[in-house]
Amino acid sequence: MTKNERLQLETVSQYLNDSHQLLTCGRTQAGVNNVEKARVLLDALLAMQDAKRRKPSES
């Protein structure tokens, strides 16, 4: 895992932690927005991992 990927996972974790706090205190829309940001970033990370795995086999 690269340093950039690790930082992106930390960002996903922070979004989810913030979402929990926001949802707990009743700020539903802000919490849902953070969950969506985390989902998008995680999807991008997974897509990059898939691309890395496929690249060597295509050569």
N, C-alpha and C. Protein backbone atom coordinates (compact mmCIF):
# COMPACT_ATOMS: atom_id res chain seq x y z
N MET A 1 0.85 -1.17 0.00
CA MET A 1 0.00 0.00 0.00
C MET A 1 0.90 1.24 0.00
N THR A 2 0.59 2.15 -0.90
CA THR A 2 1.40 3.36 -0.99
C THR A 2 1.01 4.35 0.11
N LYS A 3 1.87 5.33 0.30
CA LYS A 3 1.59 6.37 1.29
C LYS A 3 0.30 7.12 0.94
N ASN A 4 0.11 7.39 -0.35
CA ASN A 4 -1.09 8.09 -0.80
C ASN A 4 -2.35 7.27 -0.51
N GLU A 5 -2.29 5.97 -0.77
CA GLU A 5 -3.44 5.11 -0.50
C GLU A 5 -3.75 5.06 0.99
N ARG A 6 -2.71 5.01 1.79
CA ARG A 6 -2.90 5.00 3.25
C ARG A 6 -3.56 6.30 3.71
N LEU A 7 -3.12 7.42 3.16
CA LEU A 7 -3.73 8.71 3.51
C LEU A 7 -5.19 8.77 3.08
N GLN A 8 -5.49 8.20 1.93
CA GLN A 8 -6.88 8.19 1.48
C GLN A 8 -7.75 7.32 2.38
N LEU A 9 -7.21 6.20 2.85
CA LEU A 9 -7.96 5.36 3.79
C LEU A 9 -8.17 6.08 5.12
N GLU A 10 -7.18 6.83 5.55
CA GLU A 10 -7.34 7.63 6.77
C GLU A 10 -8.43 8.68 6.58
N THR A 11 -8.52 9.25 5.39
CA THR A 11 -9.56 10.23 5.09
C THR A 11 -10.94 9.56 5.13
N VAL A 12 -11.04 8.37 4.56
CA VAL A 12 -12.31 7.62 4.61
C VAL A 12 -12.70 7.39 6.07
N SER A 13 -11.74 6.97 6.87
CA SER A 13 -12.00 6.72 8.29
C SER A 13 -12.48 7.98 8.98
N GLN A 14 -11.85 9.10 8.69
CA GLN A 14 -12.25 10.36 9.30
C GLN A 14 -13.66 10.77 8.89
N TYR A 15 -13.98 10.59 7.59
CA TYR A 15 -15.34 10.88 7.13
C TYR A 15 -16.36 10.05 7.91
N LEU A 16 -16.06 8.76 8.10
CA LEU A 16 -17.00 7.89 8.80
C LEU A 16 -17.11 8.25 10.28
N ASN A 17 -16.00 8.57 10.91
CA ASN A 17 -16.04 9.00 12.31
C ASN A 17 -16.84 10.30 12.47
N ASP A 18 -16.59 11.24 11.58
CA ASP A 18 -17.34 12.50 11.61
C ASP A 18 -18.83 12.25 11.38
N SER A 19 -19.13 11.33 10.46
CA SER A 19 -20.53 10.99 10.18
C SER A 19 -21.21 10.47 11.43
N HIS A 20 -20.54 9.60 12.15
CA HIS A 20 -21.11 9.05 13.37
C HIS A 20 -21.44 10.17 14.36
N GLN A 21 -20.50 11.08 14.54
CA GLN A 21 -20.72 12.19 15.47
C GLN A 21 -21.88 13.07 15.01
N LEU A 22 -21.92 13.37 13.72
CA LEU A 22 -22.99 14.23 13.19
C LEU A 22 -24.36 13.56 13.32
N LEU A 23 -24.42 12.27 12.99
CA LEU A 23 -25.69 11.56 13.09
C LEU A 23 -26.15 11.44 14.53
N THR A 24 -25.20 11.24 15.45
CA THR A 24 -25.53 11.11 16.86
C THR A 24 -26.13 12.40 17.42
N CYS A 25 -25.64 13.53 16.94
CA CYS A 25 -26.15 14.80 17.47
C CYS A 25 -27.31 15.36 16.64
N GLY A 26 -27.82 14.57 15.69
CA GLY A 26 -29.01 14.98 14.96
C GLY A 26 -28.77 15.72 13.66
N ARG A 27 -27.54 15.88 13.26
CA ARG A 27 -27.26 16.58 12.00
C ARG A 27 -27.25 15.55 10.86
N THR A 28 -28.44 15.07 10.56
CA THR A 28 -28.61 13.95 9.65
C THR A 28 -28.04 14.21 8.26
N GLN A 29 -28.39 15.32 7.66
CA GLN A 29 -27.94 15.58 6.28
C GLN A 29 -26.42 15.68 6.20
N ALA A 30 -25.80 16.35 7.15
CA ALA A 30 -24.34 16.47 7.15
C ALA A 30 -23.70 15.09 7.33
N GLY A 31 -24.29 14.27 8.20
CA GLY A 31 -23.77 12.92 8.42
C GLY A 31 -23.88 12.06 7.18
N VAL A 32 -25.03 12.14 6.51
CA VAL A 32 -25.25 11.37 5.28
C VAL A 32 -24.28 11.85 4.19
N ASN A 33 -24.04 13.15 4.11
CA ASN A 33 -23.10 13.68 3.12
C ASN A 33 -21.70 13.11 3.35
N ASN A 34 -21.27 13.00 4.60
CA ASN A 34 -19.95 12.46 4.88
C ASN A 34 -19.86 10.98 4.54
N VAL A 35 -20.94 10.24 4.78
CA VAL A 35 -20.95 8.83 4.41
C VAL A 35 -20.81 8.70 2.89
N GLU A 36 -21.49 9.55 2.15
CA GLU A 36 -21.40 9.53 0.69
C GLU A 36 -19.98 9.86 0.23
N LYS A 37 -19.34 10.84 0.85
CA LYS A 37 -17.95 11.17 0.50
C LYS A 37 -17.04 9.98 0.74
N ALA A 38 -17.24 9.30 1.86
CA ALA A 38 -16.43 8.13 2.19
C ALA A 38 -16.66 7.03 1.16
N ARG A 39 -17.91 6.82 0.76
CA ARG A 39 -18.23 5.78 -0.22
C ARG A 39 -17.56 6.06 -1.56
N VAL A 40 -17.62 7.31 -2.01
CA VAL A 40 -17.01 7.68 -3.29
C VAL A 40 -15.51 7.47 -3.25
N LEU A 41 -14.86 7.91 -2.18
CA LEU A 41 -13.42 7.76 -2.06
C LEU A 41 -13.03 6.29 -1.98
N LEU A 42 -13.77 5.50 -1.23
CA LEU A 42 -13.48 4.08 -1.13
C LEU A 42 -13.69 3.38 -2.47
N ASP A 43 -14.73 3.74 -3.20
CA ASP A 43 -14.94 3.18 -4.54
C ASP A 43 -13.77 3.50 -5.46
N ALA A 44 -13.26 4.71 -5.38
CA ALA A 44 -12.12 5.11 -6.21
C ALA A 44 -10.88 4.30 -5.84
N LEU A 45 -10.65 4.12 -4.54
CA LEU A 45 -9.51 3.32 -4.11
C LEU A 45 -9.61 1.88 -4.59
N LEU A 46 -10.79 1.30 -4.50
CA LEU A 46 -10.99 -0.07 -4.98
C LEU A 46 -10.79 -0.17 -6.49
N ALA A 47 -11.25 0.81 -7.22
CA ALA A 47 -11.06 0.82 -8.67
C ALA A 47 -9.58 0.92 -9.02
N MET A 48 -8.84 1.72 -8.29
CA MET A 48 -7.40 1.82 -8.54
C MET A 48 -6.70 0.50 -8.25
N GLN A 49 -7.11 -0.19 -7.18
CA GLN A 49 -6.53 -1.49 -6.85
C GLN A 49 -6.84 -2.51 -7.95
N ASP A 50 -8.07 -2.51 -8.44
CA ASP A 50 -8.43 -3.41 -9.52
C ASP A 50 -7.60 -3.14 -10.77
N ALA A 51 -7.40 -1.87 -11.08
CA ALA A 51 -6.61 -1.49 -12.25
C ALA A 51 -5.16 -1.95 -12.09
N LYS A 52 -4.60 -1.85 -10.89
CA LYS A 52 -3.23 -2.30 -10.64
C LYS A 52 -3.12 -3.81 -10.83
N ARG A 53 -4.12 -4.54 -10.37
CA ARG A 53 -4.08 -6.00 -10.49
C ARG A 53 -4.19 -6.44 -11.95
N ARG A 54 -5.00 -5.75 -12.72
CA ARG A 54 -5.20 -6.14 -14.12
C ARG A 54 -4.03 -5.75 -15.00
N LYS A 55 -3.37 -4.67 -14.68
CA LYS A 55 -2.32 -4.14 -15.55
C LYS A 55 -1.21 -5.15 -15.85
N PRO A 56 -0.61 -5.80 -14.85
CA PRO A 56 0.48 -6.76 -15.17
C PRO A 56 0.02 -7.93 -16.04
N SER A 57 -1.20 -8.40 -15.86
CA SER A 57 -1.68 -9.54 -16.63
C SER A 57 -1.99 -9.18 -18.08
N GLU A 58 -2.23 -7.91 -18.34
CA GLU A 58 -2.54 -7.47 -19.71
C GLU A 58 -1.29 -7.29 -20.53
N SER A 59 -0.13 -7.17 -19.90
CA SER A 59 1.11 -6.92 -20.64
C SER A 59 1.58 -8.13 -21.41
